[in-house]
Structure formats: C-alpha cells, structure tokens
Amino acid sequence: MDLEDVALLTSDQGRLLLASLPEYDPKLVIKLSEGLRRRGIDPKLVAAALTQNRLRARARAKFGPFADQMLFTDQGLQQATRLVVAARHAERYLPGGAGQSGQSAAPPNQSARDRRVADLTGGIGGDALAMAALGLRVTVYERDPVTAGVARANLAAFPEARVIAADALEADLSYADALFADPSRRSADGRRVFDPAAYDPPLERLWALAGGRPLGVKVAPGIAHRAIPPRAEAEWVSVDRQVVEAGIWFGRLCQADGAEPPPDPAGRGFGPRRAALVIRQGRAHRLTQFSDPAEFPHSADDAARTPGPAAPRPPARAARLATGPLQEFIYEPDGAVIRACLIAEAAATLGPGPAAPTLVNSRIAYVTAAVEAPWNPFWTGYRVEDAFDFNLKRLRAHLRARGIGQIVVKKRGSPVDPAELRKRLAPKGDGSAVVILTRLGARQSVVIAQPLRSAKETP
C-alpha cells in the first residue's frame, strides 16, 4: 500500500467501490478482480479495494461493524487496539473520569472538548477514534506517511482530530494535557520484541517525555512486573478469555476505585497498583490490589532499565492461599488475573462458604473447592469427574470406557503437548469432557472434568 492507494480509496470512486464489494471470500477474489477490471476500473484501485475488503473482514473481530467504514494496513491492524478496550482507554482521559484519589486527567471544570491529548504512536488511529468519539481533542503522530494517511481517513468524521505525519519524540508537545502511546513491539523483520528497552519508542523515552503529565502506555501482556515503575498502575486486559494487552497508567489516569494504599508502618511505600480488567460479552469487570514494595524496584529509572522478556513469575500473592487436595470443583482463573498476580484476590470472589478455596499446587493457578460457585467473570469452573496420576494407557481406557470422543485439553505445570496427546489418544464416541493436565501436589496428574453450567452462561 502506498499514498496513491490511500488517495484512490478515499476518492468518491474508491468509496463507492468499497461499499459495493461483497463479503470477502478468498475463492472469489480472482474472479471479482477480473470482472471489475473488465468494467474499466483502474487496476490499481481494484487491487487496493480488494486488499481493504480482506483487511476489513479480519478487522471485524476488533472493530465490529465499524470496520466496514475504515481503512487498514496489515501491520496497523495487527497492533490496533480492540474497540471495546480503546473505549476504556479513552474514558480515563475524560473530565470527571475515575482517577487517582478521585481526580481526573485535567482540572474538573475542563470540558472534554478542551482536553488535548497527544497520541504519540497513532498507527491507523484506533485509539484516537475512541477518544475523538468521546469529544476529546486528539492529535495523532505517526511517522509512516502511508499509515498517517490511513489514520487521517479513519478520523475524517472528527474535524477536531488532527493527524501529523511526524515523529512525536521530535515534536513540541507542550500543548498536550495528557499523552498516550502504543509503542511498536516488533523488530524490523517482524519478530516480537519482549524487552521494553527495545520497544519503538523505548519505555524509558516515554517516561521521560511525559514530564510529569498524565501518561498511558499500551504494552505487551507478558511484560515483567519488575519493568513497571512503582507509582504507576498496571492493568492487564482480557476480552472473552483472551489476554490482549497490558496498560501502564500514570498520575491522574490511574483508577483508584475508591481505594487507598493500606497503612505501611515501615514507611517503604507501595509498588505499582495491579489490576485485571476482564471483559466478557462487552461487560467489564475489574479486580485491583496494591503491590508489595519488596517485590518491585524503588525507582522509575531502575524499572525502565530492567529488561522484561518474561511473563510474571508464579504469583507470589497466591501464596496467601493454602494448598490442599483436589475437591469436587476446580476453577481456572482468567488470564488477566494470572498476569496481574491476583489469584488470591480473585479467589475471594468465588463466594462465601465454610471452607476457603485452595490451590492444587503452590505454583499452579488452579483453585479447588468443595462447593459450586455462582457465575464469576474471573474464573471458569469445572465439576471433577475423576483424577489420577498421568498415564497414557489409563487415560485412553478411561475415555473409551465412557464413550468420550470430544475432548478439550488444558494444561498448567505439565510438559505434555496437548496436540500430540490428542493424536495418541484418538478418542472416539459421542461424549465430551475436559482433560486437565496439571500437578496435584507433587504428582503429574490428569483431571477429567465437565464445565459447570454457570461457565456456559453469558454474564
């Protein structure tokens, strides 16, 4: 895609052509292309429009029906924020939005249209769209001229939104009340980058660029906790059970949820506030906790210099849960809860009961309980049917004896490859089951289970 493609697609002819295309079908692309060219349509426009038709079909997973009115680049779509999450980002910048200690990202008498936000790495404009739709005055910076052209087309309905084809790190940002960034996390050859110092731009540059202003940064969900500055809020986000991102928020963009750090007689202060945002069927559920200062660096400089290629270590906070034998029910936490190390906090939401939930292993994020909990957005629950030491022959015999031919394999703490296991089991029958590979205590085990009815219900 080049600037000429953008110009063609945004012309009257280009818009009419895009609107006339049928639902994308890879089997019909060649036939459709030939037919359009026979009608005398510019071959370059035909190629660009068919590419957009393909990208729009993919983009519906992130943007829903709005995708049919947008333009995309392949790389821009890959990094674009899902609309439901971008809306949550944008809400943090609104006047009166929930912020640290009840404050918002600007003076309370400032309206949304007076709030000036600089999106430092705008891409195709996904986050800026959500901000502009809420009335914020957003300026998008994008170094790549083609991507900037796509963003300009996507934001055309919002005259107060600006797109500047320039590097934000070299721009005068003194006008901005708050900043947002979604740094690139891929190398020049397309490989994923895990070290925050290798992001483009690096996190350290973004911390410095903020200059004390409210700043939000979208990062990879696998970012190590040690890479998060101590006075920030880190929020891991999942959408319909898929962990999609983490966000690091500073100053008045933090969401306190009415909570303040607990007393600290030692005077050590507190590490980052951690949050899990679980979005199910469009509804958001949030869980938060302040971090133990002993687990985190005490300066932003230390945090910024520390590479973070690894996912968070096994949840230290979960150590507050006791370990016990497998009971009648087993619960799997949402991935955002695991990433945020909020296992114990999430376990408290399973509901009151005479016996507290326990971990099946001190280093594995499965919780077991004697009673069935009501539907809970932070967990997926299963009723245990059987459990035994892992043995392929015994597992195969168990499934065949019960006519189980459809299995879902889940694993935590097991070296077994689920795809290879399915091949070797070759299950047959009309029944179904969930096969959980994990460690019960110190033993490699298999748990045969059925999803709870509440786990199948929509919230």
Protein backbone atom coordinates (compact mmCIF):
# COMPACT_ATOMS: atom_id res chain seq x y z
CA MET A 1 0.00 0.00 0.00
CA ASP A 2 1.24 3.48 -0.81
CA LEU A 3 -0.01 7.06 -0.68
CA GLU A 4 -1.57 6.75 -4.14
CA ASP A 5 -3.62 3.79 -2.87
CA VAL A 6 -4.86 5.90 0.05
CA ALA A 7 -5.83 8.70 -2.32
CA LEU A 8 -7.67 6.29 -4.63
CA LEU A 9 -9.54 4.60 -1.77
CA THR A 10 -10.66 7.92 -0.27
CA SER A 11 -11.86 9.30 -3.61
CA ASP A 12 -15.58 9.21 -4.44
CA GLN A 13 -14.99 6.33 -6.83
CA GLY A 14 -12.96 4.44 -4.24
CA ARG A 15 -15.58 4.82 -1.53
CA LEU A 16 -18.36 3.66 -3.88
CA LEU A 17 -16.30 0.66 -4.95
CA LEU A 18 -15.55 -0.37 -1.37
CA ALA A 19 -19.21 -0.05 -0.43
CA SER A 20 -20.25 -2.24 -3.38
CA LEU A 21 -17.93 -5.17 -2.69
CA PRO A 22 -19.50 -8.43 -1.46
CA GLU A 23 -18.46 -10.23 1.71
CA TYR A 24 -14.81 -11.23 1.41
CA ASP A 25 -14.33 -14.74 0.03
CA PRO A 26 -10.78 -15.78 -0.93
CA LYS A 27 -12.18 -18.18 -3.55
CA LEU A 28 -13.85 -15.33 -5.44
CA VAL A 29 -11.06 -12.76 -5.36
CA ILE A 30 -9.59 -13.52 -8.80
CA LYS A 31 -12.99 -13.69 -10.49
CA LEU A 32 -14.09 -10.46 -8.79
CA SER A 33 -10.86 -8.69 -9.73
CA GLU A 34 -11.17 -9.69 -13.38
CA GLY A 35 -14.80 -8.56 -13.51
CA LEU A 36 -14.01 -5.13 -12.03
CA ARG A 37 -11.15 -4.58 -14.46
CA ARG A 38 -13.37 -5.52 -17.40
CA ARG A 39 -15.69 -2.73 -16.26
CA GLY A 40 -12.80 -0.30 -16.81
CA ILE A 41 -11.95 0.36 -13.17
CA ASP A 42 -8.34 1.34 -12.56
CA PRO A 43 -6.43 -1.92 -11.81
CA LYS A 44 -4.54 -0.19 -9.00
CA LEU A 45 -7.79 0.84 -7.34
CA VAL A 46 -9.19 -2.68 -7.79
CA ALA A 47 -6.15 -4.22 -6.09
CA ALA A 48 -6.24 -1.71 -3.24
CA ALA A 49 -10.01 -2.14 -2.72
CA LEU A 50 -9.80 -5.94 -2.64
CA THR A 51 -6.97 -5.74 -0.12
CA GLN A 52 -9.12 -3.48 2.06
CA ASN A 53 -12.04 -5.90 1.70
CA ARG A 54 -9.82 -8.67 3.09
CA LEU A 55 -8.48 -6.49 5.92
CA ARG A 56 -11.96 -5.28 6.85
CA ALA A 57 -13.13 -8.88 7.20
CA ARG A 58 -10.28 -9.53 9.64
CA ALA A 59 -10.82 -6.21 11.42
CA ARG A 60 -14.41 -7.01 12.45
CA ALA A 61 -13.04 -9.08 15.31
CA LYS A 62 -11.56 -5.86 16.74
CA PHE A 63 -13.85 -3.11 15.45
CA GLY A 64 -17.17 -4.87 14.79
CA PRO A 65 -19.33 -3.21 12.11
CA PHE A 66 -17.23 -0.02 12.31
CA ALA A 67 -14.53 -1.90 10.37
CA ASP A 68 -16.64 -1.57 7.21
CA GLN A 69 -16.12 2.21 7.27
CA MET A 70 -12.39 2.16 7.99
CA LEU A 71 -9.12 1.71 6.12
CA PHE A 72 -6.30 -0.52 7.34
CA THR A 73 -2.72 -1.52 6.76
CA ASP A 74 -1.78 -5.07 7.61
CA GLN A 75 0.70 -4.09 10.32
CA GLY A 76 -1.57 -1.33 11.63
CA LEU A 77 -4.43 -3.79 12.06
CA GLN A 78 -2.20 -6.24 13.92
CA GLN A 79 -1.26 -3.65 16.53
CA ALA A 80 -4.58 -1.80 16.68
CA THR A 81 -6.45 -1.83 19.99
CA ARG A 82 -9.83 -3.56 20.06
CA LEU A 83 -12.60 -1.00 20.06
CA VAL A 84 -14.08 -2.22 23.37
CA VAL A 85 -10.65 -1.75 25.01
CA ALA A 86 -9.89 1.55 23.24
CA ALA A 87 -13.13 2.92 24.70
CA ARG A 88 -11.86 2.05 28.18
CA HIS A 89 -8.58 3.83 27.40
CA ALA A 90 -10.42 6.93 26.22
CA GLU A 91 -12.64 7.10 29.31
CA ARG A 92 -9.58 7.62 31.50
CA TYR A 93 -8.92 10.94 29.74
CA LEU A 94 -12.41 12.37 30.23
CA PRO A 95 -13.09 15.18 32.71
CA GLY A 96 -14.55 13.68 35.85
CA GLY A 97 -13.34 10.21 34.90
CA ALA A 98 -12.33 7.91 37.74
CA GLY A 99 -8.78 8.86 38.56
CA GLN A 100 -6.31 8.64 41.36
CA SER A 101 -7.81 9.93 44.60
CA GLY A 102 -10.98 10.84 42.69
CA GLN A 103 -9.17 13.20 40.33
CA SER A 104 -9.34 13.19 36.56
CA ALA A 105 -6.68 13.82 33.93
CA ALA A 106 -7.31 17.59 33.92
CA PRO A 107 -8.99 20.28 36.05
CA PRO A 108 -12.61 19.37 36.90
CA ASN A 109 -14.01 22.47 35.17
CA GLN A 110 -12.43 21.50 31.85
CA SER A 111 -14.80 20.01 29.26
CA ALA A 112 -13.91 17.07 27.02
CA ARG A 113 -13.52 19.41 24.04
CA ASP A 114 -10.94 21.42 25.98
CA ARG A 115 -8.93 18.29 26.83
CA ARG A 116 -5.95 17.98 24.50
CA VAL A 117 -4.47 14.50 24.15
CA ALA A 118 -1.40 13.62 22.11
CA ASP A 119 -1.38 10.08 20.72
CA LEU A 120 2.33 9.61 20.20
CA THR A 121 2.21 6.44 18.10
CA GLY A 122 -1.17 6.70 16.42
CA GLY A 123 -0.96 3.90 13.87
CA ILE A 124 -4.23 3.63 11.93
CA GLY A 125 -5.98 5.76 14.57
CA GLY A 126 -7.91 3.12 16.53
CA ASP A 127 -7.36 4.62 19.98
CA ALA A 128 -7.71 8.16 18.63
CA LEU A 129 -11.10 7.22 17.17
CA ALA A 130 -12.38 6.24 20.62
CA MET A 131 -11.01 9.46 22.11
CA ALA A 132 -12.46 11.67 19.39
CA ALA A 133 -15.84 9.93 19.69
CA LEU A 134 -15.93 10.99 23.35
CA GLY A 135 -15.23 14.61 22.41
CA LEU A 136 -11.52 14.74 23.28
CA ARG A 137 -9.27 16.89 21.10
CA VAL A 138 -6.71 14.33 20.00
CA THR A 139 -3.61 14.87 17.90
CA VAL A 140 -2.16 11.75 16.29
CA TYR A 141 1.54 11.44 15.46
CA GLU A 142 2.56 8.73 13.01
CA ARG A 143 5.97 8.54 11.36
CA ASP A 144 4.94 6.42 8.38
CA PRO A 145 3.23 8.67 5.79
CA VAL A 146 1.02 5.87 4.44
CA THR A 147 -0.21 4.84 7.89
CA ALA A 148 -0.75 8.51 8.72
CA GLY A 149 -2.89 8.81 5.58
CA VAL A 150 -4.96 5.83 6.68
CA ALA A 151 -5.42 7.35 10.15
CA ARG A 152 -6.46 10.66 8.58
CA ALA A 153 -9.13 8.85 6.55
CA ASN A 154 -10.38 6.99 9.63
CA LEU A 155 -10.66 10.22 11.63
CA ALA A 156 -12.23 12.28 8.85
CA ALA A 157 -15.58 12.41 10.65
CA PHE A 158 -13.96 14.28 13.57
CA PRO A 159 -12.73 17.70 12.34
CA GLU A 160 -11.04 18.50 15.67
CA ALA A 161 -8.84 15.38 15.44
CA ARG A 162 -5.50 16.07 13.77
CA VAL A 163 -3.05 13.63 12.19
CA ILE A 164 0.56 14.70 11.81
CA ALA A 165 2.99 12.59 9.80
CA ALA A 166 5.96 13.12 12.11
CA ASP A 167 7.93 11.59 14.98
CA ALA A 168 6.31 12.62 18.27
CA LEU A 169 9.67 12.39 20.02
CA GLU A 170 10.81 15.39 17.98
CA ALA A 171 7.57 17.38 18.21
CA ASP A 172 6.59 20.22 20.53
CA LEU A 173 4.10 18.57 22.89
CA SER A 174 3.79 21.47 25.31
CA TYR A 175 0.14 21.99 24.30
CA ALA A 176 -0.94 18.50 25.42
CA ASP A 177 -2.76 17.95 28.71
CA ALA A 178 -2.12 14.20 28.59
CA LEU A 179 -0.27 11.65 26.48
CA PHE A 180 -0.97 8.17 25.13
CA ALA A 181 1.41 5.75 23.40
CA ASP A 182 1.26 2.29 21.88
CA PRO A 183 4.91 1.60 21.06
CA SER A 184 5.77 -0.95 18.40
CA ARG A 185 6.72 -4.34 19.79
CA ARG A 186 8.10 -5.89 16.64
CA SER A 187 11.58 -5.76 15.13
CA ALA A 188 12.30 -4.61 11.58
CA ASP A 189 11.98 -8.21 10.35
CA GLY A 190 8.61 -8.69 12.08
CA ARG A 191 9.69 -10.66 15.14
CA ARG A 192 8.07 -9.91 18.50
CA VAL A 193 10.09 -7.76 20.91
CA PHE A 194 9.86 -8.54 24.62
CA ASP A 195 12.43 -6.18 26.14
CA PRO A 196 10.75 -2.81 26.91
CA ALA A 197 14.07 -1.12 26.16
CA ALA A 198 13.73 -2.43 22.58
CA TYR A 199 10.20 -1.09 22.05
CA ASP A 200 9.87 1.68 19.47
CA PRO A 201 9.98 4.10 21.19
CA PRO A 202 11.55 2.55 24.30
CA LEU A 203 9.55 2.84 27.52
CA GLU A 204 12.33 4.87 29.13
CA ARG A 205 11.95 7.56 26.43
CA LEU A 206 8.20 7.69 27.04
CA TRP A 207 8.61 8.05 30.81
CA ALA A 208 10.98 10.98 30.21
CA LEU A 209 8.76 12.55 27.53
CA ALA A 210 5.76 12.72 29.85
CA GLY A 211 7.46 15.32 32.04
CA GLY A 212 5.01 14.71 34.86
CA ARG A 213 1.89 14.87 32.67
CA PRO A 214 -0.67 12.06 32.77
CA LEU A 215 0.57 9.26 30.51
CA GLY A 216 -0.91 5.96 29.36
CA VAL A 217 1.15 3.32 27.57
CA LYS A 218 -0.12 0.12 26.00
CA VAL A 219 2.40 -2.72 26.40
CA ALA A 220 2.61 -6.45 25.77
CA PRO A 221 0.74 -8.54 28.37
CA GLY A 222 3.89 -10.56 29.04
CA ILE A 223 5.73 -7.54 30.47
CA ALA A 224 7.62 -8.44 33.64
CA HIS A 225 6.35 -6.80 36.82
CA ARG A 226 9.85 -5.57 37.58
CA ALA A 227 9.68 -3.36 34.46
CA ILE A 228 6.74 -1.35 35.85
CA PRO A 229 7.58 1.90 37.67
CA PRO A 230 6.45 1.92 41.31
CA ARG A 231 3.99 4.83 41.17
CA ALA A 232 2.13 3.54 38.12
CA GLU A 233 -0.97 1.44 37.70
CA ALA A 234 -0.57 -1.68 35.59
CA GLU A 235 -3.73 -3.18 34.15
CA TRP A 236 -3.89 -6.49 32.28
CA VAL A 237 -6.86 -6.83 29.94
CA SER A 238 -8.66 -9.89 28.60
CA VAL A 239 -11.53 -9.95 26.12
CA ASP A 240 -13.72 -13.07 26.14
CA ARG A 241 -10.97 -15.09 27.87
CA GLN A 242 -8.14 -13.93 25.59
CA VAL A 243 -5.45 -11.74 27.19
CA VAL A 244 -4.95 -8.94 24.68
CA GLU A 245 -2.75 -6.30 26.31
CA ALA A 246 -1.47 -4.57 29.40
CA GLY A 247 -1.60 -0.85 30.08
CA ILE A 248 0.63 1.27 32.29
CA TRP A 249 -1.00 4.45 33.58
CA PHE A 250 0.48 7.41 35.41
CA GLY A 251 -0.79 10.29 37.51
CA ARG A 252 -4.44 11.20 37.24
CA LEU A 253 -5.07 8.50 34.63
CA CYS A 254 -4.82 5.85 37.35
CA GLN A 255 -8.15 4.46 38.50
CA ALA A 256 -8.27 4.27 42.28
CA ASP A 257 -11.68 2.56 42.51
CA GLY A 258 -12.11 4.40 45.81
CA ALA A 259 -9.20 2.56 47.41
CA GLU A 260 -6.10 3.95 49.05
CA PRO A 261 -2.90 2.05 49.94
CA PRO A 262 -3.12 0.33 53.32
CA PRO A 263 -1.04 1.69 56.22
CA ASP A 264 2.65 0.88 55.97
CA PRO A 265 4.40 1.29 59.36
CA ALA A 266 7.76 0.50 57.78
CA GLY A 267 7.43 3.56 55.56
CA ARG A 268 8.55 1.69 52.45
CA GLY A 269 5.74 2.98 50.25
CA PHE A 270 3.95 0.75 47.79
CA GLY A 271 4.76 -0.70 44.43
CA PRO A 272 2.55 -0.38 41.36
CA ARG A 273 -1.16 -0.85 41.68
CA ARG A 274 -2.10 -4.01 39.75
CA ALA A 275 -5.43 -4.55 38.04
CA ALA A 276 -7.13 -7.20 35.95
CA LEU A 277 -9.79 -5.94 33.55
CA VAL A 278 -11.93 -8.85 32.36
CA ILE A 279 -14.33 -8.03 29.51
CA ARG A 280 -16.98 -10.68 28.85
CA GLN A 281 -19.68 -10.21 26.23
CA GLY A 282 -18.94 -6.49 26.22
CA ARG A 283 -19.26 -6.09 30.02
CA ALA A 284 -16.21 -5.08 32.05
CA HIS A 285 -15.24 -6.47 35.47
CA ARG A 286 -12.23 -5.18 37.38
CA LEU A 287 -10.06 -6.53 40.19
CA THR A 288 -7.27 -4.49 41.82
CA GLN A 289 -4.59 -4.64 44.51
CA PHE A 290 -1.59 -2.60 45.61
CA SER A 291 1.76 -4.34 45.24
CA ASP A 292 4.11 -5.35 47.99
CA PRO A 293 7.00 -2.86 47.73
CA ALA A 294 9.51 -5.66 48.40
CA GLU A 295 8.64 -7.19 45.01
CA PHE A 296 9.36 -4.10 42.90
CA PRO A 297 12.21 -1.64 42.20
CA HIS A 298 12.06 1.62 44.11
CA SER A 299 12.82 4.00 41.26
CA ALA A 300 11.41 4.51 37.81
CA ASP A 301 14.97 4.56 36.45
CA ASP A 302 15.63 1.07 37.81
CA ALA A 303 12.37 -0.20 36.34
CA ALA A 304 12.98 1.33 32.94
CA ARG A 305 16.47 -0.17 32.69
CA THR A 306 15.33 -3.67 33.58
CA PRO A 307 14.51 -5.85 30.55
CA GLY A 308 11.20 -7.65 30.78
CA PRO A 309 11.07 -10.56 28.31
CA ALA A 310 9.45 -12.99 30.72
CA ALA A 311 5.88 -13.25 31.90
CA PRO A 312 5.26 -12.52 35.59
CA ARG A 313 6.78 -15.15 37.84
CA PRO A 314 4.38 -17.61 39.51
CA PRO A 315 2.00 -15.49 41.57
CA ALA A 316 3.62 -14.68 44.89
CA ARG A 317 0.34 -13.21 46.12
CA ALA A 318 -1.30 -16.61 45.60
CA ALA A 319 0.91 -17.90 48.40
CA ARG A 320 -1.71 -16.47 50.75
CA LEU A 321 -3.96 -19.31 49.58
CA ALA A 322 -3.35 -22.64 51.22
CA THR A 323 -2.57 -25.72 49.13
CA GLY A 324 -4.89 -28.67 49.53
CA PRO A 325 -6.17 -31.87 47.90
CA LEU A 326 -8.39 -31.82 44.83
CA GLN A 327 -12.04 -31.37 45.76
CA GLU A 328 -15.30 -31.65 43.81
CA PHE A 329 -14.77 -28.47 41.77
CA ILE A 330 -11.75 -26.98 40.05
CA TYR A 331 -11.51 -23.38 38.87
CA GLU A 332 -9.25 -21.80 36.26
CA PRO A 333 -8.60 -18.05 36.62
CA ASP A 334 -8.86 -15.69 33.69
CA GLY A 335 -5.50 -15.00 32.06
CA ALA A 336 -5.60 -11.31 33.04
CA VAL A 337 -5.96 -12.35 36.69
CA ILE A 338 -2.92 -14.61 36.40
CA ARG A 339 -0.81 -11.95 34.66
CA ALA A 340 -1.73 -9.40 37.33
CA CYS A 341 -0.86 -11.90 40.08
CA LEU A 342 -4.30 -11.51 41.66
CA ILE A 343 -5.12 -15.18 42.27
CA ALA A 344 -5.85 -14.75 45.98
CA GLU A 345 -7.94 -11.64 45.37
CA ALA A 346 -9.94 -13.43 42.68
CA ALA A 347 -10.44 -16.47 44.92
CA ALA A 348 -12.21 -14.22 47.41
CA THR A 349 -14.87 -13.53 44.73
CA LEU A 350 -15.90 -17.18 44.48
CA GLY A 351 -18.41 -16.60 47.24
CA PRO A 352 -18.72 -17.31 50.95
CA GLY A 353 -18.51 -20.84 52.24
CA PRO A 354 -17.44 -22.88 55.22
CA ALA A 355 -14.14 -23.86 53.56
CA ALA A 356 -11.91 -21.44 51.67
CA PRO A 357 -10.75 -22.42 48.16
CA THR A 358 -7.24 -23.89 48.00
CA LEU A 359 -4.58 -24.22 45.35
CA VAL A 360 -3.93 -27.67 43.86
CA ASN A 361 -0.22 -26.77 43.85
CA SER A 362 1.52 -23.73 45.34
CA ARG A 363 2.96 -22.73 41.94
CA ILE A 364 -0.01 -23.52 39.68
CA ALA A 365 -3.04 -21.28 39.13
CA TYR A 366 -5.79 -23.85 39.63
CA VAL A 367 -8.06 -23.45 42.63
CA THR A 368 -10.23 -26.21 44.05
CA ALA A 369 -13.31 -26.02 46.26
CA ALA A 370 -15.93 -28.30 47.77
CA VAL A 371 -18.90 -26.18 46.64
CA GLU A 372 -20.01 -24.84 43.27
CA ALA A 373 -19.64 -21.09 42.98
CA PRO A 374 -22.13 -18.93 41.05
CA TRP A 375 -21.03 -17.48 37.72
CA ASN A 376 -17.92 -15.39 38.15
CA PRO A 377 -16.17 -13.38 35.40
CA PHE A 378 -12.72 -14.05 36.87
CA TRP A 379 -12.98 -17.87 36.77
CA THR A 380 -14.06 -20.78 34.61
CA GLY A 381 -15.34 -23.65 36.72
CA TYR A 382 -15.46 -27.42 36.21
CA ARG A 383 -17.02 -30.31 38.09
CA VAL A 384 -14.41 -33.00 38.72
CA GLU A 385 -15.41 -36.48 37.49
CA ASP A 386 -12.15 -38.31 38.08
CA ALA A 387 -8.45 -37.71 38.73
CA PHE A 388 -5.40 -39.95 38.66
CA ASP A 389 -1.65 -39.94 38.07
CA PHE A 390 -0.89 -39.19 34.45
CA ASN A 391 -0.70 -42.41 32.43
CA LEU A 392 -1.49 -42.52 28.72
CA LYS A 393 -2.92 -46.05 28.70
CA ARG A 394 -5.12 -45.38 31.70
CA LEU A 395 -6.36 -42.11 30.23
CA ARG A 396 -7.16 -43.75 26.89
CA ALA A 397 -9.00 -46.58 28.62
CA HIS A 398 -10.98 -44.09 30.73
CA LEU A 399 -12.16 -42.15 27.69
CA ARG A 400 -13.07 -45.24 25.67
CA ALA A 401 -14.97 -46.84 28.53
CA ARG A 402 -17.17 -43.76 28.74
CA GLY A 403 -17.52 -43.14 25.01
CA ILE A 404 -15.79 -39.78 25.18
CA GLY A 405 -14.73 -38.71 21.70
CA GLN A 406 -14.64 -34.92 22.06
CA ILE A 407 -12.04 -33.58 24.45
CA VAL A 408 -10.73 -30.15 25.37
CA VAL A 409 -7.21 -30.40 26.74
CA LYS A 410 -5.98 -27.80 29.23
CA LYS A 411 -2.59 -27.78 30.92
CA ARG A 412 -0.72 -25.96 33.64
CA GLY A 413 2.52 -27.30 35.08
CA SER A 414 2.61 -30.25 32.67
CA PRO A 415 5.23 -30.95 29.96
CA VAL A 416 2.73 -32.85 27.79
CA ASP A 417 1.90 -31.31 24.40
CA PRO A 418 -1.93 -31.16 24.04
CA ALA A 419 -1.91 -31.63 20.24
CA GLU A 420 0.34 -34.68 20.47
CA LEU A 421 -1.79 -36.08 23.29
CA ARG A 422 -4.97 -35.86 21.19
CA LYS A 423 -3.25 -37.78 18.39
CA ARG A 424 -2.10 -40.55 20.67
CA LEU A 425 -5.45 -40.84 22.45
CA ALA A 426 -7.52 -40.94 19.23
CA PRO A 427 -10.73 -40.60 21.25
CA LYS A 428 -13.98 -42.00 19.82
CA GLY A 429 -17.57 -41.59 20.93
CA ASP A 430 -20.36 -39.07 21.32
CA GLY A 431 -19.43 -37.94 24.83
CA SER A 432 -17.30 -34.94 25.74
CA ALA A 433 -15.01 -33.98 28.59
CA VAL A 434 -12.33 -31.52 29.64
CA VAL A 435 -8.94 -33.15 30.26
CA ILE A 436 -6.83 -31.06 32.63
CA LEU A 437 -3.11 -31.85 32.80
CA THR A 438 -1.54 -30.44 35.95
CA ARG A 439 0.28 -31.24 39.17
CA LEU A 440 -1.79 -32.30 42.15
CA GLY A 441 0.60 -31.73 45.00
CA ALA A 442 3.90 -33.07 43.68
CA ARG A 443 2.49 -35.56 41.17
CA GLN A 444 1.90 -35.15 37.44
CA SER A 445 -1.82 -35.79 37.16
CA VAL A 446 -4.83 -35.74 34.88
CA VAL A 447 -8.23 -34.43 35.92
CA ILE A 448 -11.35 -35.39 33.96
CA ALA A 449 -14.00 -32.70 34.33
CA GLN A 450 -17.15 -31.13 32.90
CA PRO A 451 -17.73 -27.36 32.51
CA LEU A 452 -20.16 -26.01 35.05
CA ARG A 453 -23.46 -24.83 33.65
CA SER A 454 -22.68 -21.36 35.01
CA ALA A 455 -19.44 -21.34 32.97
CA LYS A 456 -21.50 -21.72 29.78
CA GLU A 457 -23.91 -18.92 30.58
CA THR A 458 -23.39 -15.38 29.34
CA PRO A 459 -22.98 -12.72 32.05
